[in-house]
């Protein structure tokens, strides 16, 4: 059975079946080893751990054989667009693609198939080896990375075949998303409990193979606590009691959550040779296939946000920042990929970040607004989140920005001259107002959180779906044939066509668990805000 196949195939030979011919080359690095070479148990475990970390977000290995195109179809042409961060300026299919809600199956399949063909088999190998060696702390690390990778898959599609993975007796049925999330929490709770005591020793773990934290266990616990807090907030409208319980666990843990730049989770260039995929896509693919999104244009220009310089490049035509809306058909590259729209300020050395330090503060700000014990006030966490974001992006002016009580998002003016202008979607200001109502406070928090998390499309899109904030511009043209509401916007991606082709019975259990038609308009379990 296809899903059983995922379990038993070696993670180091899976690249032979990958849709990209460069998978074998990207694995030819200091982490690759054959079974014969990996006679030392820690080396065997470490190699698979590196693979898990590297495959959370797909990347270019710096050799010239890019995996940027794989990242592009797995994330860049879905969540990065739907989040309001990126505007597509490629000429693919004359605009009849994901950006106008006409889903291209070869694109939206990728996040699912890569999670189950690259991350999960490597995790299974680590699980087996750590049990042989009686090293629960190693499995704990792998469980954290697994949850970080697979919650992105679940948040894109909904139900997935997760809980019985690796049991040896599974069928092909998909789990309800509520079950998947409760399993995420159990896995994180267990991993945090195991590693909290281990962190007290100060010893490092898998240091030669850890390309995120260089073996620093305390930082892994901080990340796991913050990830648990992120996922707790995700389910707040579906299960408020569970959300509060899991969030407060993270804050009460003695190691704590991410609070410093040095504690944020990112792939370290010092340990791994890679090129940020957005650099390739923006500068090397057909003269540029992505640019600033119109929603980023509205918020950042309206606020006069100093972080514009860190995120985007001024348009050559007038030296200002300009974005592009989704759903533009028949794009003229001379306009959209030329000097009229702002390119991304990204280069080969830009790191891939799983979680910013600023996100941690905004998560606590929302928890505090909800009356949870977050260890401080919503206002203090909100202000600290902005300050941290400015620091993470190397720009100044946070103090005056925080005190700005008048600036609001700007109306969008289409700099290409194609007439896709639109009035601002929101009138939210920056300065904290403790006397405002709950929704006003929430919009303020999420808007600044969204700006701070750029360019993490999966999180930006998930937060928009969960809260309705920030208010994003609708598509110019909606090619979903009525399946997706133009103003509610896309809620998920359909299950991969490969699942229907190879195991239709299995994917139909996913559709049943979804509770609605398998299209982009059906809400996920946690997407319940009224």
Protein backbone atom coordinates (compact mmCIF):
# COMPACT_ATOMS: atom_id res chain seq x y z
CA UNK A 1 0.00 0.00 0.00
CA UNK A 2 1.29 3.42 -0.91
CA UNK A 3 1.30 4.87 2.61
CA UNK A 4 3.05 1.79 4.02
CA UNK A 5 5.66 2.33 1.34
CA UNK A 6 6.42 5.76 2.80
CA UNK A 7 7.39 4.16 6.10
CA UNK A 8 9.90 1.62 4.94
CA UNK A 9 11.76 3.35 2.13
CA UNK A 10 15.13 4.65 3.26
CA UNK A 11 15.15 8.40 3.62
CA UNK A 12 18.44 8.57 1.76
CA UNK A 13 17.15 6.82 -1.36
CA UNK A 14 13.86 8.68 -1.59
CA UNK A 15 15.42 11.33 -3.81
CA UNK A 16 15.52 8.85 -6.68
CA UNK A 17 11.74 9.08 -6.86
CA UNK A 18 11.61 12.81 -6.34
CA UNK A 19 10.10 15.07 -8.97
CA UNK A 20 13.38 16.97 -9.20
CA UNK A 21 16.50 15.52 -10.71
CA UNK A 22 18.72 17.43 -8.29
CA UNK A 23 17.55 15.68 -5.11
CA UNK A 24 20.43 13.23 -5.20
CA UNK A 25 22.88 16.10 -5.57
CA UNK A 26 21.51 18.11 -2.69
CA UNK A 27 21.96 15.09 -0.45
CA UNK A 28 25.58 14.77 -1.54
CA UNK A 29 27.01 16.82 1.28
CA UNK A 30 28.76 16.29 4.57
CA UNK A 31 25.59 14.79 6.06
CA UNK A 32 25.14 12.01 3.53
CA UNK A 33 26.27 8.52 4.40
CA UNK A 34 25.53 4.97 3.27
CA UNK A 35 24.48 2.26 5.73
CA UNK A 36 28.01 0.86 5.55
CA UNK A 37 29.51 4.23 6.40
CA UNK A 38 27.02 4.81 9.20
CA UNK A 39 28.22 2.06 11.49
CA UNK A 40 28.50 4.55 14.34
CA UNK A 41 24.98 4.86 15.74
CA UNK A 42 25.17 8.59 16.47
CA UNK A 43 26.30 9.24 12.90
CA UNK A 44 23.38 7.25 11.54
CA UNK A 45 20.88 9.10 13.70
CA UNK A 46 22.55 12.45 13.06
CA UNK A 47 22.40 12.12 9.30
CA UNK A 48 18.67 11.51 9.35
CA UNK A 49 18.19 14.38 11.79
CA UNK A 50 19.95 16.75 9.39
CA UNK A 51 17.67 15.59 6.60
CA UNK A 52 14.59 16.32 8.71
CA UNK A 53 15.79 19.85 9.48
CA UNK A 54 16.67 20.59 5.88
CA UNK A 55 13.33 19.39 4.56
CA UNK A 56 11.08 21.52 6.78
CA UNK A 57 11.53 24.22 4.13
CA UNK A 58 12.98 23.25 0.77
CA UNK A 59 16.12 25.07 -0.31
CA UNK A 60 18.98 25.42 -2.77
CA UNK A 61 22.22 23.73 -1.70
CA UNK A 62 24.43 26.34 -3.37
CA UNK A 63 25.76 24.01 -6.07
CA UNK A 64 23.83 25.57 -8.93
CA UNK A 65 21.38 22.65 -9.10
CA UNK A 66 18.62 24.50 -7.34
CA UNK A 67 15.75 23.11 -5.39
CA UNK A 68 14.26 26.58 -5.46
CA UNK A 69 11.74 25.40 -8.04
CA UNK A 70 10.60 22.71 -5.60
CA UNK A 71 10.17 25.29 -2.86
CA UNK A 72 8.31 27.46 -5.33
CA UNK A 73 5.65 24.88 -6.10
CA UNK A 74 5.42 23.58 -2.52
CA UNK A 75 5.12 26.92 -0.77
CA UNK A 76 5.92 29.90 -2.99
CA UNK A 77 2.92 29.48 -5.27
CA UNK A 78 0.47 28.76 -2.48
CA UNK A 79 0.87 29.98 1.10
CA UNK A 80 3.37 32.72 0.21
CA UNK A 81 0.72 34.19 -2.11
CA UNK A 82 -2.33 33.55 0.07
CA UNK A 83 -0.59 35.16 3.07
CA UNK A 84 -0.47 38.54 1.33
CA UNK A 85 3.34 38.62 1.39
CA UNK A 86 4.23 37.83 -2.22
CA UNK A 87 2.75 38.84 -5.56
CA UNK A 88 3.22 36.49 -8.54
CA UNK A 89 4.78 38.15 -11.59
CA UNK A 90 5.51 35.05 -13.64
CA UNK A 91 3.72 34.48 -16.92
CA UNK A 92 2.67 30.91 -16.16
CA UNK A 93 -0.61 29.78 -17.72
CA UNK A 94 -1.60 33.41 -18.49
CA UNK A 95 -2.57 33.83 -14.87
CA UNK A 96 -4.83 30.78 -14.62
CA UNK A 97 -3.08 29.30 -11.60
CA UNK A 98 -3.12 29.27 -7.81
CA UNK A 99 -2.78 33.05 -7.71
CA UNK A 100 -6.22 33.41 -9.27
CA UNK A 101 -7.64 30.39 -7.37
CA UNK A 102 -7.33 28.05 -10.35
CA UNK A 103 -5.40 25.30 -8.60
CA UNK A 104 -2.63 23.62 -10.59
CA UNK A 105 -2.34 20.07 -9.30
CA UNK A 106 1.38 19.76 -9.95
CA UNK A 107 1.87 22.72 -7.62
CA UNK A 108 -0.41 22.11 -4.67
CA UNK A 109 0.59 18.42 -4.42
CA UNK A 110 4.11 19.18 -3.32
CA UNK A 111 3.79 20.13 0.35
CA UNK A 112 1.93 16.90 1.10
CA UNK A 113 4.10 14.51 -0.87
CA UNK A 114 7.37 15.94 0.40
CA UNK A 115 6.30 15.82 4.00
CA UNK A 116 5.48 12.13 3.69
CA UNK A 117 8.37 11.16 1.44
CA UNK A 118 11.23 13.11 3.03
CA UNK A 119 10.50 14.19 6.60
CA UNK A 120 8.48 11.30 7.97
CA UNK A 121 10.71 8.42 6.79
CA UNK A 122 13.77 10.11 8.31
CA UNK A 123 11.84 10.52 11.58
CA UNK A 124 10.90 6.84 11.50
CA UNK A 125 14.57 5.84 11.19
CA UNK A 126 15.51 8.05 14.15
CA UNK A 127 12.67 6.58 16.20
CA UNK A 128 13.88 3.05 15.51
CA UNK A 129 17.53 3.81 16.26
CA UNK A 130 16.82 5.83 19.41
CA UNK A 131 14.69 3.02 20.79
CA UNK A 132 17.50 0.52 20.14
CA UNK A 133 19.96 2.80 21.93
CA UNK A 134 17.54 3.73 24.73
CA UNK A 135 18.03 7.43 23.93
CA UNK A 136 14.61 9.09 24.33
CA UNK A 137 16.22 12.51 24.19
CA UNK A 138 17.21 11.92 20.54
CA UNK A 139 13.68 10.92 19.60
CA UNK A 140 12.44 14.01 21.48
CA UNK A 141 14.49 16.26 19.19
CA UNK A 142 13.18 14.46 16.13
CA UNK A 143 9.59 14.75 17.37
CA UNK A 144 9.93 18.53 17.64
CA UNK A 145 11.19 18.82 14.07
CA UNK A 146 8.47 16.46 12.88
CA UNK A 147 5.75 18.61 14.41
CA UNK A 148 7.28 21.78 12.95
CA UNK A 149 7.28 20.19 9.48
CA UNK A 150 3.97 18.37 9.58
CA UNK A 151 1.83 21.11 11.11
CA UNK A 152 2.60 23.05 7.92
CA UNK A 153 1.26 20.12 5.90
CA UNK A 154 -1.84 19.79 8.08
CA UNK A 155 -2.49 23.54 7.98
CA UNK A 156 -2.45 23.47 4.20
CA UNK A 157 -4.70 20.45 3.60
CA UNK A 158 -6.49 19.51 6.84
CA UNK A 159 -6.80 15.79 7.68
CA UNK A 160 -3.63 13.75 7.05
CA UNK A 161 -2.58 10.11 7.71
CA UNK A 162 -0.49 10.85 10.80
CA UNK A 163 -1.19 9.14 14.10
CA UNK A 164 -0.55 5.55 13.03
CA UNK A 165 2.52 6.34 10.95
CA UNK A 166 5.26 3.79 11.59
CA UNK A 167 3.14 1.45 13.69
CA UNK A 168 3.49 -1.41 11.23
CA UNK A 169 -0.23 -2.11 11.31
CA UNK A 170 -1.76 0.96 9.77
CA UNK A 171 -4.28 1.34 7.06
CA UNK A 172 -4.44 4.31 4.78
CA UNK A 173 -7.09 6.28 6.61
CA UNK A 174 -6.63 10.00 7.31
CA UNK A 175 -6.98 11.45 10.80
CA UNK A 176 -9.32 14.30 11.58
CA UNK A 177 -7.39 17.53 12.01
CA UNK A 178 -8.55 17.75 15.63
CA UNK A 179 -6.90 14.38 16.28
CA UNK A 180 -3.73 15.42 14.47
CA UNK A 181 -3.44 18.57 16.57
CA UNK A 182 -4.01 16.75 19.84
CA UNK A 183 -1.26 14.36 18.77
CA UNK A 184 1.02 17.31 18.05
CA UNK A 185 0.46 18.54 21.61
CA UNK A 186 1.15 15.11 23.11
CA UNK A 187 4.37 14.82 21.11
CA UNK A 188 5.54 18.29 22.10
CA UNK A 189 4.58 17.78 25.74
CA UNK A 190 6.58 14.55 25.87
CA UNK A 191 9.58 16.00 24.05
CA UNK A 192 9.66 19.08 26.26
CA UNK A 193 9.43 17.00 29.43
CA UNK A 194 12.31 14.77 28.30
CA UNK A 195 14.56 17.60 27.14
CA UNK A 196 13.91 20.05 30.00
CA UNK A 197 15.86 17.90 32.44
CA UNK A 198 18.49 17.14 29.82
CA UNK A 199 18.96 20.86 29.15
CA UNK A 200 19.99 21.40 32.76
CA UNK A 201 23.18 19.42 32.14
CA UNK A 202 24.37 21.95 29.56
CA UNK A 203 25.50 19.11 27.31
CA UNK A 204 24.98 19.41 23.57
CA UNK A 205 23.25 16.81 21.46
CA UNK A 206 23.91 15.88 17.80
CA UNK A 207 26.01 19.02 17.52
CA UNK A 208 27.73 17.90 14.32
CA UNK A 209 24.38 17.40 12.58
CA UNK A 210 22.12 20.08 14.03
CA UNK A 211 21.99 22.90 11.47
CA UNK A 212 19.48 24.94 13.48
CA UNK A 213 20.75 25.15 17.07
CA UNK A 214 24.18 23.51 16.88
CA UNK A 215 23.15 20.97 19.50
CA UNK A 216 21.95 23.51 22.09
CA UNK A 217 19.23 21.56 23.91
CA UNK A 218 17.98 24.55 25.90
CA UNK A 219 17.24 26.38 22.66
CA UNK A 220 15.40 23.34 21.37
CA UNK A 221 13.21 23.41 24.47
CA UNK A 222 12.55 27.14 23.99
CA UNK A 223 11.60 26.51 20.38
CA UNK A 224 9.34 23.59 21.33
CA UNK A 225 7.62 25.69 23.99
CA UNK A 226 7.05 28.50 21.50
CA UNK A 227 5.86 26.05 18.85
CA UNK A 228 3.40 24.63 21.38
CA UNK A 229 2.24 28.18 22.06
CA UNK A 230 1.84 28.82 18.32
CA UNK A 231 -0.26 25.68 17.85
CA UNK A 232 -2.27 26.41 20.99
CA UNK A 233 -3.25 29.77 19.56
CA UNK A 234 -4.12 28.10 16.26
CA UNK A 235 -6.90 26.05 17.87
CA UNK A 236 -8.33 28.78 20.10
CA UNK A 237 -11.60 29.10 18.18
CA UNK A 238 -12.05 25.33 17.89
CA UNK A 239 -11.11 24.28 21.44
CA UNK A 240 -10.56 27.29 23.75
CA UNK A 241 -9.90 25.20 26.87
CA UNK A 242 -7.22 23.10 25.14
CA UNK A 243 -5.66 26.23 23.70
CA UNK A 244 -5.32 27.90 27.09
CA UNK A 245 -4.02 24.74 28.75
CA UNK A 246 -1.28 24.18 26.19
CA UNK A 247 -0.32 27.85 26.02
CA UNK A 248 0.09 28.19 29.76
CA UNK A 249 2.17 24.98 29.88
CA UNK A 250 4.67 26.65 27.58
CA UNK A 251 4.95 29.74 29.75
CA UNK A 252 5.27 27.76 32.98
CA UNK A 253 8.10 25.58 31.69
CA UNK A 254 11.33 26.56 33.53
CA UNK A 255 13.40 26.82 30.35
CA UNK A 256 10.89 29.24 28.82
CA UNK A 257 10.13 30.40 25.30
CA UNK A 258 12.12 32.23 22.63
CA UNK A 259 13.01 35.75 23.79
CA UNK A 260 16.25 36.66 21.97
CA UNK A 261 17.46 36.78 18.40
CA UNK A 262 20.04 34.12 19.25
CA UNK A 263 17.22 31.79 20.25
CA UNK A 264 15.12 32.02 17.09
CA UNK A 265 14.95 28.96 14.83
CA UNK A 266 16.70 29.25 11.47
CA UNK A 267 18.89 27.20 9.17
CA UNK A 268 22.43 28.34 9.92
CA UNK A 269 24.52 29.26 6.89
CA UNK A 270 27.60 28.50 8.97
CA UNK A 271 26.55 24.85 9.13
CA UNK A 272 24.79 24.42 5.81
CA UNK A 273 25.59 25.67 2.33
CA UNK A 274 22.36 26.88 0.77
CA UNK A 275 20.81 29.75 -1.14
CA UNK A 276 17.48 31.19 -0.06
CA UNK A 277 14.96 30.01 -2.68
CA UNK A 278 13.30 33.43 -2.92
CA UNK A 279 16.60 34.83 -4.20
CA UNK A 280 16.52 32.45 -7.13
CA UNK A 281 12.83 32.98 -7.80
CA UNK A 282 12.98 36.78 -7.58
CA UNK A 283 16.24 37.35 -9.45
CA UNK A 284 17.14 34.29 -11.51
CA UNK A 285 13.88 32.74 -12.69
CA UNK A 286 12.76 34.27 -16.02
CA UNK A 287 13.86 37.76 -14.98
CA UNK A 288 11.89 37.47 -11.75
CA UNK A 289 8.69 35.66 -10.87
CA UNK A 290 7.76 37.19 -7.50
CA UNK A 291 7.49 40.73 -6.16
CA UNK A 292 6.03 42.69 -3.24
CA UNK A 293 2.36 41.95 -2.58
CA UNK A 294 -0.19 44.78 -2.72
CA UNK A 295 -1.24 44.12 0.89
CA UNK A 296 2.32 44.63 2.10
CA UNK A 297 2.36 47.80 0.01
CA UNK A 298 -0.78 49.08 1.78
CA UNK A 299 0.27 48.37 5.35
CA UNK A 300 3.95 49.19 5.19
CA UNK A 301 3.57 52.34 3.09
CA UNK A 302 0.66 53.54 5.19
CA UNK A 303 2.68 53.11 8.36
CA UNK A 304 5.89 54.44 6.82
CA UNK A 305 7.36 51.22 8.15
CA UNK A 306 11.19 51.31 8.36
CA UNK A 307 11.26 47.55 7.80
CA UNK A 308 10.42 48.16 4.13
CA UNK A 309 14.12 48.60 3.50
CA UNK A 310 14.85 45.16 4.97
CA UNK A 311 12.05 43.41 3.11
CA UNK A 312 11.88 45.03 -0.31
CA UNK A 313 13.78 47.05 -2.90
CA UNK A 314 12.49 50.39 -4.14
CA UNK A 315 11.02 50.34 -7.63
CA UNK A 316 13.54 51.70 -10.12
CA UNK A 317 10.92 53.79 -11.89
CA UNK A 318 10.18 56.19 -9.01
CA UNK A 319 12.22 55.07 -5.99
CA UNK A 320 9.12 54.04 -4.01
CA UNK A 321 7.68 50.78 -2.76
CA UNK A 322 4.99 49.22 -4.94
CA UNK A 323 3.22 45.88 -4.80
CA UNK A 324 1.05 43.73 -7.04
CA UNK A 325 -2.31 42.12 -6.38
CA UNK A 326 -3.15 38.45 -6.85
CA UNK A 327 -5.30 37.35 -9.75
CA UNK A 328 -3.84 39.53 -12.49
CA UNK A 329 -4.19 37.75 -15.82
CA UNK A 330 -1.88 38.02 -18.83
CA UNK A 331 0.95 39.69 -16.93
CA UNK A 332 3.33 41.82 -18.95
CA UNK A 333 6.82 41.02 -17.61
CA UNK A 334 8.09 44.45 -18.64
CA UNK A 335 5.68 46.00 -16.16
CA UNK A 336 5.43 43.49 -13.35
CA UNK A 337 8.93 42.07 -13.27
CA UNK A 338 10.51 45.27 -14.50
CA UNK A 339 11.11 48.52 -12.66
CA UNK A 340 7.51 49.35 -11.70
CA UNK A 341 7.06 46.88 -8.83
CA UNK A 342 9.34 46.40 -5.82
CA UNK A 343 11.53 43.32 -5.79
CA UNK A 344 12.38 41.37 -2.65
CA UNK A 345 15.41 42.42 -0.62
CA UNK A 346 16.87 38.93 -0.44
CA UNK A 347 20.22 37.48 -1.35
CA UNK A 348 21.97 34.14 -1.33
CA UNK A 349 22.93 34.47 2.34
CA UNK A 350 19.47 35.36 3.64
CA UNK A 351 18.56 32.69 6.23
CA UNK A 352 15.49 30.49 6.14
CA UNK A 353 13.71 31.18 9.43
CA UNK A 354 11.27 28.75 11.03
CA UNK A 355 10.27 31.06 13.84
CA UNK A 356 11.23 34.65 14.63
CA UNK A 357 11.79 35.88 18.16
CA UNK A 358 9.16 38.56 17.53
CA UNK A 359 6.46 35.94 16.95
CA UNK A 360 6.93 34.67 20.50
CA UNK A 361 6.10 38.09 21.94
CA UNK A 362 3.02 38.55 19.76
CA UNK A 363 1.76 35.10 20.75
CA UNK A 364 2.00 36.10 24.40
CA UNK A 365 0.35 39.43 23.67
CA UNK A 366 -2.68 37.63 22.27
CA UNK A 367 -2.74 35.19 25.15
CA UNK A 368 -2.70 38.07 27.62
CA UNK A 369 -5.59 39.78 25.81
CA UNK A 370 -7.53 36.55 26.18
CA UNK A 371 -6.91 36.59 29.93
CA UNK A 372 -4.39 33.76 30.02
CA UNK A 373 -1.35 33.73 32.27
CA UNK A 374 1.44 34.78 29.91
CA UNK A 375 3.73 36.34 32.51
CA UNK A 376 3.08 39.95 31.53
CA UNK A 377 0.67 42.38 29.92
CA UNK A 378 -0.60 42.44 26.37
CA UNK A 379 0.75 45.96 25.87
CA UNK A 380 4.27 45.09 27.03
CA UNK A 381 4.43 41.97 24.85
CA UNK A 382 3.01 43.84 21.86
CA UNK A 383 5.59 46.62 22.14
CA UNK A 384 8.41 44.15 22.75
CA UNK A 385 7.32 42.21 19.66
CA UNK A 386 7.66 45.29 17.50
CA UNK A 387 11.02 46.18 19.02
CA UNK A 388 12.29 42.64 18.51
CA UNK A 389 11.16 42.63 14.88
CA UNK A 390 13.03 45.87 14.23
CA UNK A 391 16.14 44.38 15.84
CA UNK A 392 15.86 41.13 13.90
CA UNK A 393 15.72 43.10 10.66
CA UNK A 394 18.52 45.51 11.58
CA UNK A 395 16.48 48.71 11.35
CA UNK A 396 16.04 51.58 13.80
CA UNK A 397 13.08 53.71 14.83
CA UNK A 398 11.03 51.21 16.84
CA UNK A 399 10.32 53.62 19.72
CA UNK A 400 8.77 56.30 17.53
CA UNK A 401 6.94 53.67 15.45
CA UNK A 402 5.30 52.26 18.59
CA UNK A 403 4.02 55.71 19.56
CA UNK A 404 2.45 56.38 16.15
CA UNK A 405 -1.29 56.71 16.82
CA UNK A 406 -2.37 58.30 13.53
CA UNK A 407 -0.95 56.37 10.56
CA UNK A 408 -3.23 53.81 8.91
CA UNK A 409 -2.83 51.44 5.96
CA UNK A 410 -2.70 53.25 2.62
CA UNK A 411 -4.96 52.92 -0.38
CA UNK A 412 -3.41 50.76 -3.07
CA UNK A 413 -2.35 52.45 -6.29
CA UNK A 414 -1.45 50.05 -9.09
CA UNK A 415 1.87 51.38 -10.34
CA UNK A 416 1.67 49.34 -13.54
CA UNK A 417 -1.19 51.48 -14.80
CA UNK A 418 -3.47 48.47 -15.22
CA UNK A 419 -6.08 50.02 -12.95
CA UNK A 420 -6.23 47.48 -10.16
CA UNK A 421 -6.38 50.24 -7.52
CA UNK A 422 -8.29 49.56 -4.30
CA UNK A 423 -9.04 51.40 -1.09
CA UNK A 424 -7.29 50.25 2.08
CA UNK A 425 -8.96 47.27 3.74
CA UNK A 426 -8.26 48.42 7.31
CA UNK A 427 -8.02 51.56 9.42
CA UNK A 428 -6.03 49.99 12.27
CA UNK A 429 -3.35 52.19 13.84
CA UNK A 430 -0.09 51.14 15.46
CA UNK A 431 -0.04 52.50 19.03
CA UNK A 432 -1.49 50.20 21.65
CA UNK A 433 -4.88 51.26 23.01
CA UNK A 434 -5.69 49.49 26.24
CA UNK A 435 -9.22 50.85 26.18
CA UNK A 436 -10.05 49.34 22.80
CA UNK A 437 -12.38 46.36 22.47
CA UNK A 438 -11.10 42.82 22.04
CA UNK A 439 -11.33 42.70 18.24
CA UNK A 440 -9.50 46.00 17.86
CA UNK A 441 -6.70 44.74 20.10
CA UNK A 442 -6.56 41.43 18.23
CA UNK A 443 -6.36 43.14 14.84
CA UNK A 444 -3.55 45.38 16.07
CA UNK A 445 -1.57 42.39 17.41
CA UNK A 446 -2.04 40.18 14.37
CA UNK A 447 -1.29 42.98 11.90
CA UNK A 448 2.06 43.65 13.53
CA UNK A 449 2.70 39.94 13.97
CA UNK A 450 2.02 39.42 10.26
CA UNK A 451 4.50 42.14 9.31
CA UNK A 452 7.10 40.68 11.69
CA UNK A 453 6.77 37.09 10.38
CA UNK A 454 7.42 38.01 6.74
CA UNK A 455 8.24 36.05 4.55
CA UNK A 456 6.90 32.95 6.37
CA UNK A 457 3.92 32.32 4.11
CA UNK A 458 2.52 29.25 5.91
CA UNK A 459 2.22 31.19 9.18
CA UNK A 460 1.01 34.41 7.60
CA UNK A 461 -1.73 32.56 5.73
CA UNK A 462 -2.74 30.46 8.74
CA UNK A 463 -3.06 33.52 10.96
CA UNK A 464 -5.16 35.32 8.36
CA UNK A 465 -7.48 32.33 8.15
CA UNK A 466 -7.64 31.89 11.92
CA UNK A 467 -8.31 35.51 12.88
CA UNK A 468 -9.37 37.36 9.73
CA UNK A 469 -6.40 39.69 10.21
CA UNK A 470 -4.70 41.45 8.68
CA UNK A 471 -7.40 42.37 6.20
CA UNK A 472 -5.98 41.42 2.82
CA UNK A 473 -6.86 42.60 -0.67
CA UNK A 474 -9.02 40.15 -2.65
CA UNK A 475 -7.92 38.67 -5.96
CA UNK A 476 -8.49 40.69 -9.10
CA UNK A 477 -9.83 37.64 -10.94
CA UNK A 478 -11.31 34.60 -9.18
CA UNK A 479 -11.00 31.50 -11.37
CA UNK A 480 -12.33 29.02 -8.80
CA UNK A 481 -15.71 28.59 -10.54
CA UNK A 482 -17.50 29.66 -7.40
CA UNK A 483 -15.72 27.26 -5.04
CA UNK A 484 -13.86 30.06 -3.20
CA UNK A 485 -15.46 33.29 -2.05
CA UNK A 486 -13.48 36.25 -3.39
CA UNK A 487 -13.63 38.12 -0.08
CA UNK A 488 -13.45 35.23 2.38
CA UNK A 489 -10.50 34.04 0.25
CA UNK A 490 -8.87 30.63 -0.05
CA UNK A 491 -9.06 28.44 3.07
CA UNK A 492 -7.02 25.36 2.13
CA UNK A 493 -5.47 23.47 -0.77
CA UNK A 494 -7.15 20.36 -2.23
CA UNK A 495 -5.71 16.94 -1.46
CA UNK A 496 -3.05 15.93 -3.99
CA UNK A 497 -4.18 14.37 -7.23
CA UNK A 498 -1.50 11.72 -6.67
CA UNK A 499 -3.47 10.53 -3.64
CA UNK A 500 -6.58 10.08 -5.75
CA UNK A 501 -4.59 8.32 -8.48
CA UNK A 502 -2.87 5.81 -6.21
CA UNK A 503 -5.22 5.28 -3.26
CA UNK A 504 -8.60 6.87 -3.75
CA UNK A 505 -10.15 4.93 -0.88
CA UNK A 506 -7.65 6.46 1.52
CA UNK A 507 -8.04 10.05 0.39
CA UNK A 508 -11.81 9.73 0.58
CA UNK A 509 -11.44 9.14 4.32
CA UNK A 510 -9.68 12.49 4.37
CA UNK A 511 -12.55 14.14 2.55
CA UNK A 512 -14.99 12.62 5.04
CA UNK A 513 -12.84 13.86 7.94
CA UNK A 514 -12.67 17.29 6.32
CA UNK A 515 -16.43 17.67 6.58
CA UNK A 516 -16.86 19.47 3.29
CA UNK A 517 -15.94 19.31 -0.40
CA UNK A 518 -12.29 18.85 -1.29
CA UNK A 519 -11.72 22.34 -2.63
CA UNK A 520 -10.15 25.63 -1.62
CA UNK A 521 -13.29 27.03 -0.05
CA UNK A 522 -13.75 24.46 2.73
CA UNK A 523 -12.64 25.61 6.17
CA UNK A 524 -10.29 23.54 8.32
CA UNK A 525 -11.25 22.33 11.80
CA UNK A 526 -9.45 25.16 13.58
CA UNK A 527 -10.82 27.80 11.16
CA UNK A 528 -13.99 28.48 13.18
CA UNK A 529 -14.01 32.17 13.94
CA UNK A 530 -17.47 33.55 13.29
